[in-house]
Structures are given as structure tokens and as C-alpha cells.
Amino acid sequence: MPHPRQEIDISFDRPATYRIAVKGRIDQLWSENLGDMEIHIESRENEPAITILIGQVRDQAELMGILNNLYELHMTVLSVEHTAVD
């Protein structure tokens, strides 16, 4: 039997930490345009690279700005995961 998910107190207008995964590579130079998130590249043999962005965002508006920048870069978003309330 699966465990019920814990209730997470995510607020629309408060800081939180997110982990965003996208298909492909993003250069470290883009960090400033992506909310100063840390950029990590995961590569596996015979598979496309995956870029992981990890960092705190001020609110949902900043998160949407980061996602819009990824859209404008034509990056395929694989996941957006809330990791902590700050």
C-alpha cells in the first residue's frame, strides 16, 4: 500500500527551493538568466544529457520567469520538483 504524501506548505508568494530537470545541456553562463540557480549536467552513455537546475526562488512569479526562459531556449522541461520551503 503506498504511503500518503505529506502535506507541504507551499505558498504562492513565499520563497521555496526547486529542482528543475530539462533535456539537453545549459551552459553555466545562463545561471543569472535562470534565477541564479545552480546548473548540473547529468550524462549517461547513449542517452541525451539532462540539465538539473537547483535553487531558491522568491515566489511563483519568479518560478514562472525561469520556466519562460527555458521555453524561450527551446528546452524540454522534464520535471519541476518543490524540494523545500525556505
N, C-alpha and C. Protein backbone atom coordinates (compact mmCIF):
# COMPACT_ATOMS: atom_id res chain seq x y z
N MET A 1 0.84 -1.18 0.00
CA MET A 1 0.00 0.00 0.00
C MET A 1 0.89 1.25 0.00
N PRO A 2 0.66 2.18 -0.91
CA PRO A 2 1.50 3.38 -0.96
C PRO A 2 1.29 4.26 0.27
N HIS A 3 2.35 4.97 0.62
CA HIS A 3 2.27 5.91 1.74
C HIS A 3 1.62 7.20 1.28
N PRO A 4 0.74 7.79 2.09
CA PRO A 4 0.16 9.08 1.69
C PRO A 4 1.24 10.16 1.69
N ARG A 5 1.14 11.07 0.73
CA ARG A 5 2.10 12.17 0.66
C ARG A 5 1.89 13.11 1.82
N GLN A 6 3.01 13.58 2.37
CA GLN A 6 2.92 14.58 3.43
C GLN A 6 2.42 15.89 2.85
N GLU A 7 1.62 16.58 3.62
CA GLU A 7 1.13 17.90 3.21
C GLU A 7 2.29 18.89 3.25
N ILE A 8 2.54 19.60 2.17
CA ILE A 8 3.63 20.56 2.10
C ILE A 8 3.01 21.95 2.05
N ASP A 9 3.54 22.85 2.86
CA ASP A 9 3.01 24.20 2.94
C ASP A 9 3.70 25.09 1.90
N ILE A 10 3.25 25.00 0.65
CA ILE A 10 3.78 25.82 -0.42
C ILE A 10 2.86 27.02 -0.58
N SER A 11 3.46 28.20 -0.60
CA SER A 11 2.66 29.40 -0.73
C SER A 11 2.99 30.11 -2.04
N PHE A 12 2.00 30.73 -2.61
CA PHE A 12 2.12 31.42 -3.90
C PHE A 12 3.16 32.54 -3.86
N ASP A 13 3.27 33.22 -2.72
CA ASP A 13 4.10 34.43 -2.66
C ASP A 13 5.25 34.33 -1.66
N ARG A 14 5.77 33.12 -1.43
CA ARG A 14 6.87 32.95 -0.48
C ARG A 14 8.01 32.18 -1.13
N PRO A 15 9.22 32.33 -0.60
CA PRO A 15 10.37 31.61 -1.17
C PRO A 15 10.26 30.10 -0.98
N ALA A 16 10.84 29.39 -1.94
CA ALA A 16 10.91 27.93 -1.87
C ALA A 16 12.07 27.47 -2.77
N THR A 17 12.53 26.27 -2.53
CA THR A 17 13.61 25.70 -3.33
C THR A 17 13.02 24.69 -4.31
N TYR A 18 13.52 24.75 -5.55
CA TYR A 18 13.03 23.87 -6.61
C TYR A 18 14.18 23.16 -7.29
N ARG A 19 13.85 22.01 -7.87
CA ARG A 19 14.76 21.24 -8.72
C ARG A 19 14.04 21.07 -10.05
N ILE A 20 14.65 21.61 -11.10
CA ILE A 20 14.05 21.57 -12.44
C ILE A 20 14.97 20.75 -13.34
N ALA A 21 14.42 19.76 -14.03
CA ALA A 21 15.21 18.94 -14.96
C ALA A 21 14.76 19.24 -16.38
N VAL A 22 15.74 19.45 -17.27
CA VAL A 22 15.45 19.69 -18.69
C VAL A 22 16.33 18.80 -19.55
N LYS A 23 15.81 18.46 -20.70
CA LYS A 23 16.56 17.65 -21.66
C LYS A 23 17.58 18.54 -22.36
N GLY A 24 18.82 18.09 -22.43
CA GLY A 24 19.87 18.84 -23.11
C GLY A 24 20.80 19.52 -22.12
N ARG A 25 21.70 20.30 -22.67
CA ARG A 25 22.73 20.98 -21.87
C ARG A 25 22.47 22.48 -21.84
N ILE A 26 22.65 23.06 -20.65
CA ILE A 26 22.60 24.51 -20.49
C ILE A 26 23.95 24.94 -19.93
N ASP A 27 24.57 25.89 -20.58
CA ASP A 27 25.87 26.40 -20.14
C ASP A 27 25.74 27.14 -18.81
N GLN A 28 26.79 27.08 -18.00
CA GLN A 28 26.82 27.77 -16.71
C GLN A 28 26.57 29.28 -16.85
N LEU A 29 26.90 29.84 -18.01
CA LEU A 29 26.71 31.28 -18.23
C LEU A 29 25.24 31.69 -18.16
N TRP A 30 24.31 30.75 -18.27
CA TRP A 30 22.88 31.05 -18.23
C TRP A 30 22.34 31.13 -16.81
N SER A 31 23.15 30.83 -15.82
CA SER A 31 22.67 30.80 -14.43
C SER A 31 21.98 32.10 -14.01
N GLU A 32 22.58 33.23 -14.36
CA GLU A 32 21.99 34.53 -13.99
C GLU A 32 20.61 34.72 -14.60
N ASN A 33 20.43 34.28 -15.85
CA ASN A 33 19.12 34.42 -16.51
C ASN A 33 18.11 33.41 -16.00
N LEU A 34 18.57 32.44 -15.22
CA LEU A 34 17.69 31.40 -14.70
C LEU A 34 17.62 31.48 -13.17
N GLY A 35 17.52 32.69 -12.65
CA GLY A 35 17.32 32.90 -11.22
C GLY A 35 18.53 32.55 -10.37
N ASP A 36 19.73 32.59 -10.95
CA ASP A 36 20.97 32.22 -10.25
C ASP A 36 20.93 30.79 -9.72
N MET A 37 20.18 29.93 -10.38
CA MET A 37 20.10 28.53 -9.97
C MET A 37 21.42 27.83 -10.29
N GLU A 38 21.76 26.85 -9.47
CA GLU A 38 22.93 26.00 -9.74
C GLU A 38 22.60 25.14 -10.95
N ILE A 39 23.59 24.95 -11.82
CA ILE A 39 23.38 24.16 -13.03
C ILE A 39 24.29 22.94 -12.97
N HIS A 40 23.68 21.76 -13.06
CA HIS A 40 24.41 20.49 -13.05
C HIS A 40 24.02 19.70 -14.30
N ILE A 41 25.01 19.11 -14.95
CA ILE A 41 24.75 18.30 -16.14
C ILE A 41 24.90 16.82 -15.77
N GLU A 42 23.89 16.04 -16.10
CA GLU A 42 23.96 14.58 -15.93
C GLU A 42 24.03 13.96 -17.31
N SER A 43 25.07 13.16 -17.56
CA SER A 43 25.14 12.47 -18.85
C SER A 43 25.31 10.98 -18.61
N ARG A 44 24.59 10.25 -19.42
CA ARG A 44 24.69 8.79 -19.39
C ARG A 44 25.03 8.33 -20.79
N GLU A 45 25.79 7.27 -20.86
CA GLU A 45 26.19 6.75 -22.15
C GLU A 45 24.97 6.41 -23.00
N ASN A 46 25.00 6.81 -24.25
CA ASN A 46 23.95 6.54 -25.23
C ASN A 46 22.61 7.18 -24.90
N GLU A 47 22.60 8.19 -24.05
CA GLU A 47 21.37 8.92 -23.73
C GLU A 47 21.64 10.41 -23.79
N PRO A 48 20.62 11.21 -24.10
CA PRO A 48 20.82 12.66 -24.12
C PRO A 48 21.16 13.18 -22.72
N ALA A 49 21.94 14.25 -22.68
CA ALA A 49 22.28 14.87 -21.40
C ALA A 49 21.04 15.48 -20.77
N ILE A 50 21.04 15.56 -19.46
CA ILE A 50 19.96 16.21 -18.71
C ILE A 50 20.60 17.29 -17.84
N THR A 51 20.04 18.49 -17.90
CA THR A 51 20.49 19.58 -17.04
C THR A 51 19.56 19.68 -15.85
N ILE A 52 20.16 19.76 -14.67
CA ILE A 52 19.41 19.91 -13.43
C ILE A 52 19.67 21.31 -12.89
N LEU A 53 18.61 22.06 -12.66
CA LEU A 53 18.70 23.39 -12.06
C LEU A 53 18.17 23.29 -10.63
N ILE A 54 18.95 23.76 -9.66
CA ILE A 54 18.54 23.71 -8.26
C ILE A 54 18.75 25.08 -7.64
N GLY A 55 17.72 25.57 -6.96
CA GLY A 55 17.89 26.84 -6.28
C GLY A 55 16.61 27.38 -5.69
N GLN A 56 16.78 28.44 -4.94
CA GLN A 56 15.66 29.10 -4.28
C GLN A 56 15.05 30.13 -5.23
N VAL A 57 13.73 30.18 -5.25
CA VAL A 57 13.02 31.23 -5.98
C VAL A 57 12.21 32.04 -4.97
N ARG A 58 12.06 33.33 -5.25
CA ARG A 58 11.37 34.22 -4.32
C ARG A 58 9.90 33.91 -4.18
N ASP A 59 9.28 33.53 -5.32
CA ASP A 59 7.84 33.29 -5.33
C ASP A 59 7.48 32.59 -6.64
N GLN A 60 6.21 32.33 -6.83
CA GLN A 60 5.76 31.63 -8.03
C GLN A 60 6.00 32.46 -9.30
N ALA A 61 5.96 33.78 -9.18
CA ALA A 61 6.22 34.63 -10.34
C ALA A 61 7.65 34.42 -10.85
N GLU A 62 8.61 34.35 -9.94
CA GLU A 62 9.99 34.10 -10.37
C GLU A 62 10.13 32.70 -10.97
N LEU A 63 9.45 31.72 -10.39
CA LEU A 63 9.48 30.37 -10.96
C LEU A 63 8.95 30.38 -12.39
N MET A 64 7.86 31.09 -12.62
CA MET A 64 7.31 31.18 -13.98
C MET A 64 8.28 31.88 -14.93
N GLY A 65 9.00 32.89 -14.43
CA GLY A 65 10.00 33.56 -15.26
C GLY A 65 11.10 32.61 -15.68
N ILE A 66 11.55 31.77 -14.76
CA ILE A 66 12.59 30.77 -15.08
C ILE A 66 12.05 29.79 -16.12
N LEU A 67 10.83 29.30 -15.92
CA LEU A 67 10.24 28.36 -16.88
C LEU A 67 10.05 29.02 -18.25
N ASN A 68 9.67 30.29 -18.28
CA ASN A 68 9.54 31.00 -19.56
C ASN A 68 10.89 31.14 -20.25
N ASN A 69 11.96 31.40 -19.50
CA ASN A 69 13.30 31.47 -20.10
C ASN A 69 13.69 30.13 -20.69
N LEU A 70 13.37 29.04 -20.01
CA LEU A 70 13.66 27.70 -20.54
C LEU A 70 12.86 27.46 -21.82
N TYR A 71 11.62 27.91 -21.86
CA TYR A 71 10.79 27.79 -23.06
C TYR A 71 11.43 28.55 -24.22
N GLU A 72 11.88 29.77 -23.95
CA GLU A 72 12.50 30.59 -25.00
C GLU A 72 13.81 29.98 -25.50
N LEU A 73 14.47 29.17 -24.66
CA LEU A 73 15.69 28.46 -25.08
C LEU A 73 15.36 27.15 -25.80
N HIS A 74 14.06 26.85 -25.95
CA HIS A 74 13.58 25.62 -26.59
C HIS A 74 14.04 24.38 -25.83
N MET A 75 14.08 24.47 -24.49
CA MET A 75 14.46 23.34 -23.66
C MET A 75 13.20 22.55 -23.30
N THR A 76 13.29 21.23 -23.36
CA THR A 76 12.19 20.37 -22.97
C THR A 76 12.25 20.17 -21.46
N VAL A 77 11.23 20.65 -20.76
CA VAL A 77 11.18 20.50 -19.30
C VAL A 77 10.71 19.09 -18.98
N LEU A 78 11.53 18.37 -18.21
CA LEU A 78 11.20 17.00 -17.82
C LEU A 78 10.47 16.95 -16.48
N SER A 79 10.88 17.84 -15.56
CA SER A 79 10.21 17.86 -14.25
C SER A 79 10.49 19.16 -13.52
N VAL A 80 9.56 19.52 -12.66
CA VAL A 80 9.71 20.66 -11.73
C VAL A 80 9.32 20.11 -10.37
N GLU A 81 10.27 20.11 -9.45
CA GLU A 81 10.03 19.49 -8.15
C GLU A 81 10.28 20.50 -7.03
N HIS A 82 9.30 20.67 -6.19
CA HIS A 82 9.45 21.51 -4.99
C HIS A 82 10.24 20.68 -3.98
N THR A 83 11.35 21.21 -3.46
CA THR A 83 12.18 20.41 -2.55
C THR A 83 12.16 20.92 -1.12
N ALA A 84 11.89 22.22 -0.90
CA ALA A 84 11.88 22.75 0.47
C ALA A 84 11.20 24.11 0.51
N VAL A 85 10.57 24.37 1.64
CA VAL A 85 10.03 25.71 1.90
C VAL A 85 11.11 26.45 2.65
N ASP A 86 11.47 27.65 2.17
CA ASP A 86 12.55 28.41 2.79
C ASP A 86 12.01 29.47 3.72
